[in-house]
Protein backbone atom coordinates (compact mmCIF):
# COMPACT_ATOMS: atom_id res chain seq x y z
CA MET A 1 115.57 99.61 28.54
CA LYS A 2 112.31 98.94 30.47
CA PHE A 3 111.06 95.93 32.79
CA THR A 4 108.73 93.57 30.56
CA LYS A 5 107.14 90.41 31.49
CA ASP A 6 110.20 89.61 29.13
CA THR A 7 113.28 90.57 30.79
CA VAL A 8 115.84 88.57 32.57
CA SER A 9 117.93 89.10 34.89
CA VAL A 10 120.68 87.40 36.21
CA VAL A 11 122.56 88.02 39.98
CA ILE A 12 125.70 86.39 40.90
CA GLY A 13 126.05 86.18 44.59
CA GLY A 14 122.64 86.69 45.57
CA THR A 15 121.64 84.46 47.86
CA SER A 16 123.14 86.65 50.63
CA GLY A 17 123.71 90.68 51.84
CA ILE A 18 123.72 93.11 49.08
CA GLY A 19 123.03 90.37 46.47
CA LYS A 20 120.06 89.00 48.15
CA ALA A 21 119.13 92.98 48.51
CA VAL A 22 119.13 93.46 44.65
CA ALA A 23 117.73 90.54 43.51
CA GLY A 24 115.07 90.53 45.64
CA ALA A 25 114.48 94.49 44.54
CA LEU A 26 114.75 93.08 41.07
CA GLU A 27 111.89 90.32 41.45
CA GLU A 28 109.12 93.24 42.26
CA ARG A 29 109.78 94.31 39.28
CA PRO A 30 108.18 92.49 35.98
CA GLY A 31 110.44 89.83 33.91
CA THR A 32 111.97 87.15 35.66
CA VAL A 33 115.36 87.25 37.87
CA HIS A 34 118.00 84.38 38.07
CA VAL A 35 120.38 84.09 41.47
CA ALA A 36 123.25 81.91 42.03
CA SER A 37 126.01 81.97 44.13
CA ARG A 38 127.88 79.36 45.14
CA SER A 39 125.70 77.98 47.30
CA THR A 40 123.66 76.95 44.73
CA GLY A 41 126.64 75.36 43.02
CA LEU A 42 127.93 77.43 41.01
CA ASP A 43 131.89 77.95 41.30
CA ILE A 44 132.48 81.67 39.32
CA THR A 45 136.72 80.46 39.83
CA ASP A 46 135.79 77.59 37.13
CA GLU A 47 135.38 79.24 33.93
CA ALA A 48 133.83 76.30 32.44
CA SER A 49 131.12 76.46 35.20
CA VAL A 50 130.13 79.83 34.16
CA ILE A 51 129.63 79.55 30.69
CA GLN A 52 127.68 76.37 31.00
CA TYR A 53 125.23 78.21 33.20
CA PHE A 54 125.08 81.47 31.09
CA ASP A 55 124.22 79.06 28.18
CA ALA A 56 121.51 77.40 29.89
CA ILE A 57 119.92 80.77 30.43
CA GLY A 58 120.03 81.55 26.97
CA PRO A 59 119.29 85.50 26.52
CA ILE A 60 119.94 88.42 29.26
CA ASP A 61 119.38 91.88 30.00
CA HIS A 62 120.97 92.69 33.12
CA VAL A 63 124.04 91.06 35.37
CA VAL A 64 124.93 91.83 38.39
CA MET A 65 127.45 90.74 40.66
CA THR A 66 128.05 90.63 43.90
CA ALA A 67 130.41 88.10 45.15
CA GLY A 68 133.28 88.44 46.55
CA SER A 69 136.53 86.80 48.43
CA ALA A 70 137.94 87.13 51.62
CA ALA A 71 140.89 88.51 51.42
CA PRO A 72 143.88 88.24 53.37
CA GLY A 73 145.48 91.69 55.34
CA GLY A 74 148.99 92.46 56.50
CA LEU A 75 151.43 94.47 55.09
CA ILE A 76 152.33 94.10 51.63
CA ALA A 77 156.00 91.99 52.80
CA ASP A 78 153.94 90.46 54.88
CA VAL A 79 151.21 88.90 53.05
CA THR A 80 151.66 85.51 51.48
CA ILE A 81 151.28 85.92 47.57
CA ASP A 82 149.62 82.61 47.19
CA ALA A 83 146.40 83.45 49.85
CA ALA A 84 146.50 87.15 47.50
CA LYS A 85 146.25 85.05 44.33
CA GLU A 86 143.33 82.73 45.73
CA ALA A 87 141.50 86.33 46.56
CA PHE A 88 142.00 87.44 43.80
CA GLU A 89 140.26 84.00 41.83
CA THR A 90 137.12 84.68 42.98
CA LYS A 91 136.82 88.58 43.19
CA TYR A 92 138.89 89.80 40.16
CA TRP A 93 139.19 86.74 37.91
CA GLY A 94 135.39 85.72 38.87
CA SER A 95 134.24 88.93 37.85
CA VAL A 96 135.73 88.96 34.61
CA VAL A 97 134.72 85.74 33.96
CA VAL A 98 131.16 86.49 34.59
CA ALA A 99 130.94 89.28 32.57
CA LYS A 100 133.07 88.30 29.73
CA HIS A 101 130.93 85.54 28.93
CA ALA A 102 127.22 87.30 30.30
CA SER A 103 128.63 89.87 27.80
CA SER A 104 127.49 87.24 24.91
CA LYS A 105 123.92 86.76 25.61
CA ILE A 106 123.17 90.81 26.59
CA GLY A 107 121.70 92.57 23.85
CA PRO A 108 121.88 96.02 23.10
CA GLY A 109 120.63 98.25 26.10
CA GLY A 110 121.51 95.90 28.42
CA SER A 111 123.37 96.43 31.29
CA ILE A 112 126.41 94.45 33.68
CA THR A 113 126.84 95.77 37.15
CA LEU A 114 129.96 94.72 39.22
CA THR A 115 131.35 94.75 42.55
CA SER A 116 134.70 96.66 43.91
CA GLY A 117 134.68 98.46 47.14
CA PHE A 118 135.58 101.91 48.67
CA LEU A 119 139.38 100.73 49.76
CA ALA A 120 140.03 100.67 45.43
CA ARG A 121 140.94 104.36 46.31
CA ARG A 122 141.67 105.07 49.38
CA THR A 123 145.19 104.45 51.44
CA VAL A 124 145.15 101.75 54.58
CA PRO A 125 147.80 100.33 55.08
CA GLY A 126 147.53 96.63 55.64
CA THR A 127 144.97 96.03 52.86
CA PHE A 128 147.03 95.88 49.57
CA VAL A 129 144.84 93.29 48.26
CA LYS A 130 141.54 94.50 48.42
CA THR A 131 142.97 97.61 47.60
CA ALA A 132 144.67 95.85 44.14
CA MET A 133 141.95 93.27 43.70
CA ASN A 134 139.01 96.60 43.51
CA ALA A 135 141.30 99.22 41.96
CA GLY A 136 142.14 95.95 39.10
CA LEU A 137 137.96 95.53 38.47
CA GLU A 138 136.93 98.97 38.45
CA ALA A 139 140.02 100.49 35.34
CA THR A 140 138.53 97.07 34.11
CA ALA A 141 135.06 97.85 34.26
CA LYS A 142 135.83 101.01 32.29
CA LEU A 143 137.79 99.21 29.31
CA MET A 144 134.61 96.36 29.38
CA ALA A 145 132.37 99.64 28.70
CA LYS A 146 134.31 100.76 25.98
CA GLU A 147 134.47 97.54 24.14
CA TRP A 148 131.49 96.05 24.93
CA ALA A 149 129.36 98.87 23.78
CA PRO A 150 126.11 99.81 23.86
CA ILE A 151 125.95 97.04 26.78
CA ARG A 152 126.75 98.94 29.49
CA VAL A 153 128.95 98.55 32.29
CA ASN A 154 129.66 99.75 35.25
CA VAL A 155 130.34 98.97 39.15
CA ILE A 156 128.81 100.39 42.91
CA SER A 157 131.72 100.62 45.23
CA PRO A 158 130.63 100.26 49.05
CA GLY A 159 131.64 101.38 52.16
CA LEU A 160 131.14 99.64 55.33
CA THR A 161 127.65 97.53 54.93
CA ASP A 162 125.74 95.97 57.81
CA THR A 163 125.26 92.56 56.30
CA GLU A 164 125.95 88.65 57.04
CA ALA A 165 129.32 89.13 55.65
CA TYR A 166 130.13 90.04 59.29
CA SER A 167 128.28 87.71 61.02
CA GLY A 168 131.03 85.77 62.02
CA MET A 169 132.54 88.30 64.23
CA ALA A 170 131.77 88.36 67.96
CA ASP A 171 128.89 89.63 68.93
CA LYS A 172 130.44 93.07 71.05
CA ALA A 173 133.42 93.21 68.14
CA ARG A 174 130.77 93.89 65.51
CA LYS A 175 128.70 96.23 67.34
CA THR A 176 131.54 97.98 68.32
CA MET A 177 132.84 98.09 64.81
CA LEU A 178 129.63 99.31 63.25
CA ALA A 179 129.23 101.63 66.01
CA ASN A 180 132.71 103.51 65.71
CA ALA A 181 131.74 103.71 61.90
CA THR A 182 128.34 105.27 62.68
CA ALA A 183 130.29 107.82 64.71
CA SER A 184 132.77 108.72 62.08
CA LEU A 185 131.54 108.65 58.76
CA PRO A 186 129.76 112.02 57.03
CA ALA A 187 126.92 109.96 56.83
CA ARG A 188 126.56 109.40 60.43
CA ARG A 189 125.31 105.76 59.83
CA VAL A 190 126.52 102.59 58.19
CA GLY A 191 125.07 101.08 55.08
CA THR A 192 122.36 98.91 54.75
CA ALA A 193 122.04 96.13 51.67
CA GLY A 194 119.14 98.42 50.85
CA ASP A 195 120.60 101.00 50.40
CA LEU A 196 123.18 99.66 47.99
CA ALA A 197 120.76 97.92 46.23
CA SER A 198 119.10 101.51 45.04
CA GLY A 199 122.63 102.31 43.07
CA TYR A 200 122.33 98.62 41.19
CA LEU A 201 119.04 99.74 40.29
CA PHE A 202 120.07 103.58 39.31
CA VAL A 203 122.54 102.05 36.77
CA ILE A 204 120.61 99.16 35.35
CA ASP A 205 117.67 101.85 35.11
CA ASN A 206 119.82 104.84 33.81
CA PRO A 207 120.54 104.48 30.16
CA TYR A 208 123.23 107.14 29.84
CA VAL A 209 125.30 105.73 32.73
CA THR A 210 128.15 103.31 31.61
CA GLY A 211 131.71 103.32 32.52
CA SER A 212 130.97 104.76 36.09
CA ILE A 213 132.16 103.81 39.11
CA ILE A 214 129.31 105.19 41.86
CA ASP A 215 130.25 105.49 45.23
CA ILE A 216 127.98 104.31 47.98
CA ASP A 217 130.26 104.75 51.45
CA GLY A 218 128.58 107.18 53.57
CA GLY A 219 130.90 110.04 53.01
CA SER A 220 134.07 106.77 53.28
CA LEU A 221 136.61 108.93 50.81
CA ILE A 222 136.08 112.37 52.04
CA ASN A 223 136.44 111.24 55.72
């Protein structure tokens, strides 16, 4: 699907980090880009709010979902189930709700692109909530691609990406984390929001890509 002045794209989670980079890249193309996040008043855990949001926009060509959630770390036996459920409400169920109600507004050739993470397919003790959320999202996206064809549904799976998501860390700890990742990853660098944005544009632009999980992780899964 070529971009024209009538092309409508939506980026949920587009006010910061990876989503902001995707929105910025789309804004360089013809058409209209709608950006929403919790900071703009859209609560993706509230299905009625999501329905109202998409009804107000009308027909859509492309939807990108990058909004995520903090997930409790710890061993399975130690994590509070209520905390795990809260994380699922945003990352997993929020993504499903956005995709479900966006799909009714998208015509043939349009696309939905969701976001998981490399822990979906890497076994790291103490990360079971992130692993379960992201693995579930990847599996569900494949079903969406099958059930909603010819709408294309794909997932971008980022590795460590240097964004505002780590701004809450102490500066020294953040720099150490990034330096350690740079030394250990096969790519010998950590990702940037721009690196990830190019992956979202790839699946939006390529009409032969659907039901795919695109890893952009610096080699985390082969490390």
